[in-house]
Amino acid sequence: MKHMKIGGLMTGDVVSAVPATSFREIAKLLTEHEINGVPVVDEDDHVVGVVSASDLLAHHEPTARDLMTRPAVTVHAEETVADAARLMVRCGVERLPVVDVEERLVGIVTRRDLLCVYLRPDAEIRRRIREDVLTEAMDLPGDAVDVHVLDGVVTLAGRVRRRSQSSMLMGLAERVDGVVAVVDRLSCLEDDTRPPSSPDSARHLLVAHRRQDDEP
């Protein structure tokens, strides 16, 4: 199933600093470029930290080396938007420097960039669920169930054969880029998620019941 990658969403022209960049120069960079943070890179373009506007306001250290938050929280260009969003929330950061396979800075992505994904048109979300989830991932007809989308909220309605298919469909739909929530209106013909009762266990229960009846 296709997911939007960070490499296609990031800003490639990154404003950055080096450890020796002064407090005043960083403040100038943030003001001129209307941004609220910069990654700090070494001579090999490896990200060694991040300086935010709040770092400048809270501290008045002379250089980026003294101001920056380290280690920097970064994301690889091939990671999905959903993975990056979870990382931002977990680490409590507003931006993620994007690095390549050699950990060199290639871009930056912000919370605002990620929020743009949730502006994906409802018709496009519906098409992706039909094509990527139902047809490609689950090998079902695109119209196997009804797919309704309103403001990013997906409602799945209809009947599938097995309960496991219903669970898989819900999980995959939730991962489609732009989906805010998924409402389950599905039914199934059989519940294959419950372990079948064995004949031996059923016979054991029957014998135990008969013994209780025979007791005085």
Protein backbone atom coordinates (compact mmCIF):
# COMPACT_ATOMS: atom_id res chain seq x y z
CA MET A 1 0.00 0.00 0.00
CA LYS A 2 1.36 3.40 -0.97
CA HIS A 3 2.08 6.01 1.70
CA MET A 4 3.29 9.56 1.27
CA LYS A 5 6.98 9.74 2.13
CA ILE A 6 8.70 12.57 3.96
CA GLY A 7 11.02 13.09 0.99
CA GLY A 8 8.06 14.29 -1.07
CA LEU A 9 6.82 16.66 1.61
CA MET A 10 9.96 18.21 3.08
CA THR A 11 11.47 21.60 2.33
CA GLY A 12 14.72 20.90 0.54
CA ASP A 13 16.33 24.32 0.82
CA VAL A 14 17.22 24.17 4.50
CA VAL A 15 18.36 27.15 6.55
CA SER A 16 20.95 25.75 8.95
CA ALA A 17 23.71 26.80 11.31
CA VAL A 18 27.06 25.43 12.42
CA PRO A 19 28.19 24.98 16.03
CA ALA A 20 30.17 28.24 15.90
CA THR A 21 27.23 30.36 14.67
CA SER A 22 26.65 33.19 17.11
CA PHE A 23 23.49 33.96 19.06
CA ARG A 24 22.99 37.14 17.02
CA GLU A 25 23.45 35.36 13.68
CA ILE A 26 20.90 32.68 14.61
CA ALA A 27 18.38 35.34 15.66
CA LYS A 28 18.94 37.05 12.32
CA LEU A 29 18.39 33.78 10.41
CA LEU A 30 15.12 33.09 12.19
CA THR A 31 13.86 36.61 11.60
CA GLU A 32 14.89 36.95 7.96
CA HIS A 33 13.51 33.57 6.92
CA GLU A 34 10.42 33.74 9.17
CA ILE A 35 11.16 30.37 10.78
CA ASN A 36 11.28 29.31 14.41
CA GLY A 37 14.20 26.88 14.42
CA VAL A 38 17.32 25.75 12.58
CA PRO A 39 19.26 22.47 12.52
CA VAL A 40 22.92 22.67 13.48
CA VAL A 41 25.29 20.66 11.25
CA ASP A 42 28.95 19.70 11.42
CA GLU A 43 31.48 19.90 8.59
CA ASP A 44 30.05 16.72 7.02
CA ASP A 45 26.44 17.98 7.08
CA HIS A 46 25.52 15.60 9.91
CA VAL A 47 22.86 17.07 12.19
CA VAL A 48 24.31 17.54 15.68
CA GLY A 49 21.52 19.59 17.24
CA VAL A 50 18.66 22.04 16.77
CA VAL A 51 18.27 25.63 17.94
CA SER A 52 14.72 26.96 18.27
CA ALA A 53 13.39 30.44 18.98
CA SER A 54 12.48 29.29 22.49
CA ASP A 55 16.12 28.29 23.04
CA LEU A 56 17.16 31.85 22.18
CA LEU A 57 14.56 33.37 24.48
CA ALA A 58 15.36 31.08 27.39
CA HIS A 59 19.16 31.27 27.15
CA HIS A 60 21.72 33.82 26.03
CA GLU A 61 24.65 31.56 25.33
CA PRO A 62 27.17 32.86 22.78
CA THR A 63 27.01 30.15 20.07
CA ALA A 64 24.81 27.46 18.57
CA ARG A 65 27.01 24.82 20.24
CA ASP A 66 25.92 26.14 23.64
CA LEU A 67 22.30 26.82 22.69
CA MET A 68 21.30 23.76 20.73
CA THR A 69 19.20 20.84 21.90
CA ARG A 70 21.07 17.57 21.46
CA PRO A 71 20.94 14.91 20.26
CA ALA A 72 18.79 16.12 17.39
CA VAL A 73 15.59 14.23 16.60
CA THR A 74 15.75 13.46 12.87
CA VAL A 75 13.75 11.52 10.30
CA HIS A 76 14.82 9.74 7.13
CA ALA A 77 13.45 10.86 3.77
CA GLU A 78 11.97 7.39 3.09
CA GLU A 79 9.89 7.30 6.27
CA THR A 80 6.15 7.87 6.03
CA VAL A 81 4.26 10.98 7.07
CA ALA A 82 2.43 8.98 9.74
CA ASP A 83 5.74 7.79 11.25
CA ALA A 84 7.09 11.35 11.29
CA ALA A 85 3.91 12.66 12.94
CA ARG A 86 4.13 10.03 15.68
CA LEU A 87 7.80 10.90 16.24
CA MET A 88 7.00 14.61 16.55
CA VAL A 89 4.28 13.95 19.12
CA ARG A 90 6.37 11.47 21.10
CA CYS A 91 9.39 13.79 21.29
CA GLY A 92 7.42 17.03 21.63
CA VAL A 93 9.16 18.82 18.74
CA GLU A 94 7.83 21.22 16.11
CA ARG A 95 10.20 20.30 13.28
CA LEU A 96 12.30 17.37 12.12
CA PRO A 97 15.55 17.67 10.14
CA VAL A 98 15.41 15.14 7.29
CA VAL A 99 18.52 13.06 6.64
CA ASP A 100 19.66 10.63 3.95
CA VAL A 101 21.03 7.11 4.40
CA GLU A 102 24.39 8.59 5.47
CA GLU A 103 22.66 10.77 8.09
CA ARG A 104 23.41 14.00 6.18
CA LEU A 105 20.93 16.87 6.17
CA VAL A 106 18.76 16.95 3.03
CA GLY A 107 15.64 18.82 4.18
CA ILE A 108 13.33 19.77 7.01
CA VAL A 109 9.68 19.06 7.77
CA THR A 110 7.42 20.92 10.20
CA ARG A 111 4.11 20.18 11.89
CA ARG A 112 2.45 22.54 9.42
CA ASP A 113 3.83 20.46 6.53
CA LEU A 114 2.37 17.29 8.04
CA LEU A 115 -1.01 18.91 8.65
CA CYS A 116 -1.27 19.61 4.90
CA VAL A 117 -1.68 15.86 4.39
CA TYR A 118 -5.02 16.03 6.22
CA LEU A 119 -6.30 18.47 3.60
CA ARG A 120 -6.34 15.64 1.06
CA PRO A 121 -9.65 15.68 -0.86
CA ASP A 122 -12.28 13.17 0.29
CA ALA A 123 -12.61 11.79 -3.24
CA GLU A 124 -8.88 11.03 -3.33
CA ILE A 125 -9.02 9.29 0.06
CA ARG A 126 -11.96 7.18 -1.13
CA ARG A 127 -10.09 6.22 -4.30
CA ARG A 128 -6.98 5.24 -2.35
CA ILE A 129 -8.97 3.00 -0.01
CA ARG A 130 -10.68 1.27 -2.94
CA GLU A 131 -7.50 0.80 -4.98
CA ASP A 132 -4.70 0.47 -2.41
CA VAL A 133 -6.55 -1.21 0.45
CA LEU A 134 -9.38 -3.29 -1.02
CA THR A 135 -7.90 -4.24 -4.39
CA GLU A 136 -4.12 -4.21 -3.89
CA ALA A 137 -3.64 -5.10 -0.22
CA MET A 138 -6.65 -7.37 0.35
CA ASP A 139 -7.25 -8.74 -3.14
CA LEU A 140 -10.94 -7.82 -3.01
CA PRO A 141 -13.10 -6.00 -5.58
CA GLY A 142 -12.97 -2.23 -5.19
CA ASP A 143 -16.70 -2.20 -4.47
CA ALA A 144 -16.60 -5.09 -1.97
CA VAL A 145 -17.81 -2.67 0.72
CA ASP A 146 -19.23 0.84 0.68
CA VAL A 147 -16.66 3.56 1.34
CA HIS A 148 -17.96 6.97 2.41
CA VAL A 149 -15.61 9.86 3.23
CA LEU A 150 -16.56 13.20 4.74
CA ASP A 151 -13.92 15.68 5.94
CA GLY A 152 -11.39 12.87 6.22
CA VAL A 153 -13.67 10.64 8.31
CA VAL A 154 -14.11 7.27 6.57
CA THR A 155 -17.19 5.09 7.07
CA LEU A 156 -16.92 1.48 5.94
CA ALA A 157 -20.26 -0.31 5.51
CA GLY A 158 -21.31 -3.69 4.11
CA ARG A 159 -20.53 -7.33 4.68
CA VAL A 160 -17.30 -9.29 4.38
CA ARG A 161 -16.84 -13.02 4.71
CA ARG A 162 -14.59 -13.22 7.78
CA ARG A 163 -14.09 -11.14 10.93
CA SER A 164 -10.32 -11.08 10.31
CA GLN A 165 -10.96 -9.32 6.98
CA SER A 166 -13.03 -6.69 8.74
CA SER A 167 -10.26 -6.03 11.28
CA MET A 168 -7.60 -5.85 8.58
CA LEU A 169 -9.70 -3.49 6.47
CA MET A 170 -10.21 -1.13 9.39
CA GLY A 171 -6.52 -1.12 10.27
CA LEU A 172 -5.34 -0.48 6.71
CA ALA A 173 -7.92 2.27 6.12
CA GLU A 174 -6.71 4.10 9.23
CA ARG A 175 -3.20 4.20 7.76
CA VAL A 176 -4.20 5.86 4.48
CA ASP A 177 -2.73 9.36 4.24
CA GLY A 178 -5.34 12.00 5.02
CA VAL A 179 -7.66 9.76 7.05
CA VAL A 180 -8.73 11.39 10.31
CA ALA A 181 -10.83 8.50 11.69
CA VAL A 182 -12.59 5.32 10.52
CA VAL A 183 -16.16 4.37 11.47
CA ASP A 184 -16.95 0.64 11.46
CA ARG A 185 -20.30 -0.31 9.93
CA LEU A 186 -19.14 -3.72 8.74
CA SER A 187 -20.67 -7.13 9.41
CA CYS A 188 -19.22 -10.59 8.70
CA LEU A 189 -20.54 -14.02 7.84
CA GLU A 190 -18.20 -15.90 10.16
CA ASP A 191 -15.99 -15.05 13.12
CA ASP A 192 -12.63 -16.69 12.47
CA THR A 193 -10.92 -14.80 15.30
CA ARG A 194 -12.21 -17.15 18.01
CA PRO A 195 -10.31 -20.39 18.52
CA PRO A 196 -12.50 -23.39 17.61
CA SER A 197 -13.54 -25.62 20.47
CA SER A 198 -11.90 -29.04 20.21
CA PRO A 199 -13.98 -32.27 20.29
CA ASP A 200 -11.86 -33.51 23.21
CA SER A 201 -12.66 -30.51 25.38
CA ALA A 202 -16.36 -30.77 24.55
CA ARG A 203 -16.32 -34.52 25.42
CA HIS A 204 -14.54 -33.76 28.71
CA LEU A 205 -17.20 -31.24 29.71
CA LEU A 206 -19.96 -33.73 28.88
CA VAL A 207 -18.36 -36.51 31.00
CA ALA A 208 -17.83 -34.12 33.92
CA HIS A 209 -21.45 -33.05 33.73
CA ARG A 210 -22.66 -36.69 33.77
CA ARG A 211 -20.48 -37.47 36.79
CA GLN A 212 -22.03 -34.59 38.70
CA ASP A 213 -25.50 -35.93 37.87
CA ASP A 214 -24.54 -39.43 39.14
CA GLU A 215 -23.27 -38.16 42.51
CA PRO A 216 -25.64 -38.70 45.50
